[in-house]
PDB file of N, CA and C in Angstrom:
ATOM      1  N   ASP A   1     -13.881 -14.589 -10.275  1.00  0.00           N
ATOM      2  CA  ASP A   1     -15.001 -14.294 -11.157  1.00  0.00           C
ATOM      3  C   ASP A   1     -16.297 -14.460 -10.366  1.00  0.00           C
ATOM      4  N   PRO A   2     -17.060 -13.398 -10.205  1.00  0.00           N
ATOM      5  CA  PRO A   2     -18.321 -13.484  -9.456  1.00  0.00           C
ATOM      6  C   PRO A   2     -19.302 -14.485 -10.065  1.00  0.00           C
ATOM      7  N   ARG A   3     -19.257 -14.643 -11.384  1.00  0.00           N
ATOM      8  CA  ARG A   3     -20.177 -15.586 -12.031  1.00  0.00           C
ATOM      9  C   ARG A   3     -19.848 -17.027 -11.628  1.00  0.00           C
ATOM     10  N   ALA A   4     -18.566 -17.360 -11.542  1.00  0.00           N
ATOM     11  CA  ALA A   4     -18.164 -18.701 -11.130  1.00  0.00           C
ATOM     12  C   ALA A   4     -18.646 -18.986  -9.713  1.00  0.00           C
ATOM     13  N   LEU A   5     -18.529 -18.010  -8.848  1.00  0.00           N
ATOM     14  CA  LEU A   5     -18.989 -18.165  -7.471  1.00  0.00           C
ATOM     15  C   LEU A   5     -20.501 -18.367  -7.432  1.00  0.00           C
ATOM     16  N   LEU A   6     -21.221 -17.609  -8.221  1.00  0.00           N
ATOM     17  CA  LEU A   6     -22.675 -17.743  -8.289  1.00  0.00           C
ATOM     18  C   LEU A   6     -23.072 -19.130  -8.791  1.00  0.00           C
ATOM     19  N   LEU A   7     -22.387 -19.625  -9.807  1.00  0.00           N
ATOM     20  CA  LEU A   7     -22.683 -20.957 -10.337  1.00  0.00           C
ATOM     21  C   LEU A   7     -22.417 -22.042  -9.296  1.00  0.00           C
ATOM     22  N   LEU A   8     -21.331 -21.897  -8.542  1.00  0.00           N
ATOM     23  CA  LEU A   8     -21.037 -22.853  -7.466  1.00  0.00           C
ATOM     24  C   LEU A   8     -22.140 -22.849  -6.415  1.00  0.00           C
ATOM     25  N   GLU A   9     -22.584 -21.665  -6.026  1.00  0.00           N
ATOM     26  CA  GLU A   9     -23.647 -21.551  -5.026  1.00  0.00           C
ATOM     27  C   GLU A   9     -24.947 -22.159  -5.538  1.00  0.00           C
ATOM     28  N   GLU A  10     -25.265 -21.946  -6.813  1.00  0.00           N
ATOM     29  CA  GLU A  10     -26.479 -22.522  -7.387  1.00  0.00           C
ATOM     30  C   GLU A  10     -26.394 -24.043  -7.435  1.00  0.00           C
ATOM     31  N   TYR A  11     -25.234 -24.576  -7.813  1.00  0.00           N
ATOM     32  CA  TYR A  11     -25.050 -26.025  -7.863  1.00  0.00           C
ATOM     33  C   TYR A  11     -25.201 -26.629  -6.467  1.00  0.00           C
ATOM     34  N   ARG A  12     -24.591 -25.996  -5.477  1.00  0.00           N
ATOM     35  CA  ARG A  12     -24.691 -26.481  -4.102  1.00  0.00           C
ATOM     36  C   ARG A  12     -26.141 -26.516  -3.642  1.00  0.00           C
ATOM     37  N   ALA A  13     -26.908 -25.512  -4.004  1.00  0.00           N
ATOM     38  CA  ALA A  13     -28.311 -25.435  -3.592  1.00  0.00           C
ATOM     39  C   ALA A  13     -29.155 -26.546  -4.213  1.00  0.00           C
ATOM     40  N   LYS A  14     -28.751 -27.051  -5.366  1.00  0.00           N
ATOM     41  CA  LYS A  14     -29.517 -28.097  -6.048  1.00  0.00           C
ATOM     42  C   LYS A  14     -29.231 -29.496  -5.518  1.00  0.00           C
ATOM     43  N   LEU A  15     -28.159 -29.653  -4.760  1.00  0.00           N
ATOM     44  CA  LEU A  15     -27.795 -30.977  -4.265  1.00  0.00           C
ATOM     45  C   LEU A  15     -28.766 -31.449  -3.192  1.00  0.00           C
ATOM     46  N   ASN A  16     -28.988 -32.762  -3.151  1.00  0.00           N
ATOM     47  CA  ASN A  16     -29.835 -33.375  -2.131  1.00  0.00           C
ATOM     48  C   ASN A  16     -29.179 -33.188  -0.766  1.00  0.00           C
ATOM     49  N   HIS A  17     -29.945 -32.736   0.199  1.00  0.00           N
ATOM     50  CA  HIS A  17     -29.388 -32.394   1.515  1.00  0.00           C
ATOM     51  C   HIS A  17     -28.793 -33.584   2.257  1.00  0.00           C
ATOM     52  N   THR A  18     -29.379 -34.759   2.168  1.00  0.00           N
ATOM     53  CA  THR A  18     -28.869 -35.892   2.941  1.00  0.00           C
ATOM     54  C   THR A  18     -27.831 -36.699   2.175  1.00  0.00           C
ATOM     55  N   GLU A  19     -28.121 -37.046   0.935  1.00  0.00           N
ATOM     56  CA  GLU A  19     -27.214 -37.894   0.172  1.00  0.00           C
ATOM     57  C   GLU A  19     -25.923 -37.181  -0.203  1.00  0.00           C
ATOM     58  N   ASP A  20     -25.985 -35.896  -0.467  1.00  0.00           N
ATOM     59  CA  ASP A  20     -24.827 -35.149  -0.950  1.00  0.00           C
ATOM     60  C   ASP A  20     -24.226 -34.239   0.118  1.00  0.00           C
ATOM     61  N   ARG A  21     -24.379 -34.610   1.379  1.00  0.00           N
ATOM     62  CA  ARG A  21     -23.920 -33.758   2.474  1.00  0.00           C
ATOM     63  C   ARG A  21     -22.422 -33.460   2.389  1.00  0.00           C
ATOM     64  N   GLN A  22     -21.603 -34.480   2.130  1.00  0.00           N
ATOM     65  CA  GLN A  22     -20.152 -34.268   2.078  1.00  0.00           C
ATOM     66  C   GLN A  22     -19.774 -33.359   0.906  1.00  0.00           C
ATOM     67  N   LEU A  23     -20.392 -33.563  -0.250  1.00  0.00           N
ATOM     68  CA  LEU A  23     -20.115 -32.710  -1.406  1.00  0.00           C
ATOM     69  C   LEU A  23     -20.565 -31.281  -1.137  1.00  0.00           C
ATOM     70  N   ARG A  24     -21.735 -31.105  -0.537  1.00  0.00           N
ATOM     71  CA  ARG A  24     -22.226 -29.765  -0.189  1.00  0.00           C
ATOM     72  C   ARG A  24     -21.243 -29.068   0.749  1.00  0.00           C
ATOM     73  N   HIS A  25     -20.735 -29.810   1.724  1.00  0.00           N
ATOM     74  CA  HIS A  25     -19.783 -29.246   2.682  1.00  0.00           C
ATOM     75  C   HIS A  25     -18.490 -28.821   1.968  1.00  0.00           C
ATOM     76  N   SER A  26     -17.994 -29.662   1.074  1.00  0.00           N
ATOM     77  CA  SER A  26     -16.767 -29.338   0.341  1.00  0.00           C
ATOM     78  C   SER A  26     -16.957 -28.116  -0.547  1.00  0.00           C
ATOM     79  N   ILE A  27     -18.096 -28.037  -1.221  1.00  0.00           N
ATOM     80  CA  ILE A  27     -18.379 -26.881  -2.074  1.00  0.00           C
ATOM     81  C   ILE A  27     -18.485 -25.620  -1.229  1.00  0.00           C
ATOM     82  N   GLN A  28     -19.100 -25.719  -0.056  1.00  0.00           N
ATOM     83  CA  GLN A  28     -19.207 -24.555   0.824  1.00  0.00           C
ATOM     84  C   GLN A  28     -17.829 -24.073   1.254  1.00  0.00           C
ATOM     85  N   ARG A  29     -16.919 -25.006   1.518  1.00  0.00           N
ATOM     86  CA  ARG A  29     -15.557 -24.619   1.905  1.00  0.00           C
ATOM     87  C   ARG A  29     -14.854 -23.884   0.770  1.00  0.00           C
ATOM     88  N   VAL A  30     -15.052 -24.348  -0.464  1.00  0.00           N
ATOM     89  CA  VAL A  30     -14.463 -23.674  -1.626  1.00  0.00           C
ATOM     90  C   VAL A  30     -15.047 -22.270  -1.769  1.00  0.00           C
ATOM     91  N   ILE A  31     -16.358 -22.143  -1.601  1.00  0.00           N
ATOM     92  CA  ILE A  31     -17.018 -20.836  -1.679  1.00  0.00           C
ATOM     93  C   ILE A  31     -16.451 -19.899  -0.618  1.00  0.00           C
ATOM     94  N   ASP A  32     -16.302 -20.407   0.602  1.00  0.00           N
ATOM     95  CA  ASP A  32     -15.747 -19.590   1.690  1.00  0.00           C
ATOM     96  C   ASP A  32     -14.334 -19.103   1.359  1.00  0.00           C
ATOM     97  N   ILE A  33     -13.534 -19.984   0.749  1.00  0.00           N
ATOM     98  CA  ILE A  33     -12.169 -19.601   0.376  1.00  0.00           C
ATOM     99  C   ILE A  33     -12.199 -18.516  -0.692  1.00  0.00           C
ATOM    100  N   PHE A  34     -13.040 -18.699  -1.722  1.00  0.00           N
ATOM    101  CA  PHE A  34     -13.137 -17.695  -2.784  1.00  0.00           C
ATOM    102  C   PHE A  34     -13.567 -16.340  -2.235  1.00  0.00           C
ATOM    103  N   GLN A  35     -14.352 -16.334  -1.178  1.00  0.00           N
ATOM    104  CA  GLN A  35     -14.850 -15.087  -0.606  1.00  0.00           C
ATOM    105  C   GLN A  35     -13.898 -14.486   0.431  1.00  0.00           C
ATOM    106  N   SER A  36     -12.843 -15.207   0.792  1.00  0.00           N
ATOM    107  CA  SER A  36     -11.947 -14.728   1.846  1.00  0.00           C
ATOM    108  C   SER A  36     -11.069 -13.576   1.366  1.00  0.00           C
ATOM    109  N   ASN A  37     -10.732 -12.692   2.274  1.00  0.00           N
ATOM    110  CA  ASN A  37      -9.844 -11.565   1.977  1.00  0.00           C
ATOM    111  C   ASN A  37      -8.460 -12.050   1.557  1.00  0.00           C
ATOM    112  N   LEU A  38      -7.980 -13.126   2.186  1.00  0.00           N
ATOM    113  CA  LEU A  38      -6.659 -13.651   1.853  1.00  0.00           C
ATOM    114  C   LEU A  38      -6.628 -14.133   0.404  1.00  0.00           C
ATOM    115  N   PHE A  39      -7.637 -14.873  -0.021  1.00  0.00           N
ATOM    116  CA  PHE A  39      -7.703 -15.348  -1.403  1.00  0.00           C
ATOM    117  C   PHE A  39      -7.761 -14.172  -2.370  1.00  0.00           C
ATOM    118  N   GLN A  40      -8.578 -13.181  -2.056  1.00  0.00           N
ATOM    119  CA  GLN A  40      -8.689 -11.998  -2.917  1.00  0.00           C
ATOM    120  C   GLN A  40      -7.336 -11.291  -3.040  1.00  0.00           C
ATOM    121  N   ALA A  41      -6.598 -11.222  -1.941  1.00  0.00           N
ATOM    122  CA  ALA A  41      -5.278 -10.593  -1.976  1.00  0.00           C
ATOM    123  C   ALA A  41      -4.304 -11.409  -2.827  1.00  0.00           C
ATOM    124  N   LEU A  42      -4.380 -12.731  -2.732  1.00  0.00           N
ATOM    125  CA  LEU A  42      -3.488 -13.589  -3.503  1.00  0.00           C
ATOM    126  C   LEU A  42      -3.723 -13.466  -5.004  1.00  0.00           C
ATOM    127  N   ILE A  43      -4.962 -13.215  -5.408  1.00  0.00           N
ATOM    128  CA  ILE A  43      -5.241 -13.066  -6.841  1.00  0.00           C
ATOM    129  C   ILE A  43      -5.184 -11.607  -7.277  1.00  0.00           C
ATOM    130  N   GLY A  44      -4.821 -10.720  -6.352  1.00  0.00           N
ATOM    131  CA  GLY A  44      -4.589  -9.327  -6.699  1.00  0.00           C
ATOM    132  C   GLY A  44      -5.804  -8.434  -6.681  1.00  0.00           C
ATOM    133  N   LYS A  45      -6.840  -8.805  -5.952  1.00  0.00           N
ATOM    134  CA  LYS A  45      -8.034  -7.961  -5.854  1.00  0.00           C
ATOM    135  C   LYS A  45      -8.123  -7.381  -4.455  1.00  0.00           C
ATOM    136  N   GLU A  46      -8.564  -6.150  -4.390  1.00  0.00           N
ATOM    137  CA  GLU A  46      -8.770  -5.488  -3.105  1.00  0.00           C
ATOM    138  C   GLU A  46     -10.129  -5.884  -2.550  1.00  0.00           C
ATOM    139  N   PRO A  47     -10.229  -6.130  -1.247  1.00  0.00           N
ATOM    140  CA  PRO A  47     -11.543  -6.394  -0.654  1.00  0.00           C
ATOM    141  C   PRO A  47     -12.416  -5.149  -0.736  1.00  0.00           C
ATOM    142  N   PRO A  48     -13.746  -5.302  -0.727  1.00  0.00           N
ATOM    143  CA  PRO A  48     -14.638  -4.150  -0.844  1.00  0.00           C
ATOM    144  C   PRO A  48     -14.446  -3.123   0.264  1.00  0.00           C
ATOM    145  N   THR A  49     -14.187  -3.566   1.485  1.00  0.00           N
ATOM    146  CA  THR A  49     -13.919  -2.652   2.595  1.00  0.00           C
ATOM    147  C   THR A  49     -12.663  -3.124   3.294  1.00  0.00           C
ATOM    148  N   ARG A  50     -11.874  -2.179   3.731  1.00  0.00           N
ATOM    149  CA  ARG A  50     -10.628  -2.534   4.404  1.00  0.00           C
ATOM    150  C   ARG A  50     -10.712  -2.139   5.865  1.00  0.00           C
ATOM    151  N   SER A  51     -10.314  -3.048   6.724  1.00  0.00           N
ATOM    152  CA  SER A  51     -10.322  -2.793   8.153  1.00  0.00           C
ATOM    153  C   SER A  51      -9.055  -3.380   8.751  1.00  0.00           C
ATOM    154  N   ARG A  52      -8.407  -2.638   9.619  1.00  0.00           N
ATOM    155  CA  ARG A  52      -7.184  -3.139  10.240  1.00  0.00           C
ATOM    156  C   ARG A  52      -7.445  -4.339  11.116  1.00  0.00           C
ATOM    157  N   SER A  53      -8.614  -4.434  11.732  1.00  0.00           N
ATOM    158  CA  SER A  53      -8.875  -5.505  12.681  1.00  0.00           C
ATOM    159  C   SER A  53      -9.513  -6.729  12.040  1.00  0.00           C
ATOM    160  N   THR A  54      -9.809  -6.678  10.745  1.00  0.00           N
ATOM    161  CA  THR A  54     -10.468  -7.800  10.085  1.00  0.00           C
ATOM    162  C   THR A  54      -9.461  -8.592   9.274  1.00  0.00           C
ATOM    163  N   CYS A  55      -9.416  -9.879   9.528  1.00  0.00           N
ATOM    164  CA  CYS A  55      -8.546 -10.767   8.774  1.00  0.00           C
ATOM    165  C   CYS A  55      -9.294 -12.067   8.543  1.00  0.00           C
ATOM    166  N   THR A  56      -9.492 -12.443   7.293  1.00  0.00           N
ATOM    167  CA  THR A  56     -10.181 -13.684   6.979  1.00  0.00           C
ATOM    168  C   THR A  56      -9.150 -14.705   6.543  1.00  0.00           C
ATOM    169  N   THR A  57      -9.153 -15.854   7.191  1.00  0.00           N
ATOM    170  CA  THR A  57      -8.223 -16.915   6.835  1.00  0.00           C
ATOM    171  C   THR A  57      -9.006 -18.170   6.525  1.00  0.00           C
ATOM    172  N   PHE A  58      -8.301 -19.160   6.014  1.00  0.00           N
ATOM    173  CA  PHE A  58      -8.957 -20.423   5.730  1.00  0.00           C
ATOM    174  C   PHE A  58      -7.993 -21.553   5.991  1.00  0.00           C
ATOM    175  N   GLY A  59      -8.549 -22.747   6.181  1.00  0.00           N
ATOM    176  CA  GLY A  59      -7.744 -23.924   6.437  1.00  0.00           C
ATOM    177  C   GLY A  59      -7.533 -24.718   5.163  1.00  0.00           C
ATOM    178  N   THR A  60      -7.075 -25.935   5.333  1.00  0.00           N
ATOM    179  CA  THR A  60      -6.818 -26.810   4.206  1.00  0.00           C
ATOM    180  C   THR A  60      -8.120 -27.397   3.708  1.00  0.00           C
ATOM    181  N   VAL A  61      -8.281 -27.402   2.409  1.00  0.00           N
ATOM    182  CA  VAL A  61      -9.485 -27.972   1.813  1.00  0.00           C
ATOM    183  C   VAL A  61      -9.168 -29.394   1.402  1.00  0.00           C
ATOM    184  N   GLY A  62      -9.921 -30.339   1.899  1.00  0.00           N
ATOM    185  CA  GLY A  62      -9.736 -31.734   1.536  1.00  0.00           C
ATOM    186  C   GLY A  62     -10.780 -32.176   0.543  1.00  0.00           C
ATOM    187  N   LEU A  63     -10.520 -31.951  -0.732  1.00  0.00           N
ATOM    188  CA  LEU A  63     -11.483 -32.355  -1.764  1.00  0.00           C
ATOM    189  C   LEU A  63     -11.054 -33.647  -2.385  1.00  0.00           C
TER     190      LEU A  63
END
């Protein structure tokens, strides 16, 4: 859901840069996963552009 992603990005932007650094980092990792081609494929959505040489992957999220 694009709205959920937008809300996450807005929440991350409101966090204090020094005190909430770890939370900001974790939220950014979640955002990156939601935007990845692999995640989109797993939920059944096609990426906006398809390229044979482009592959987006992600690691383990430790939340």
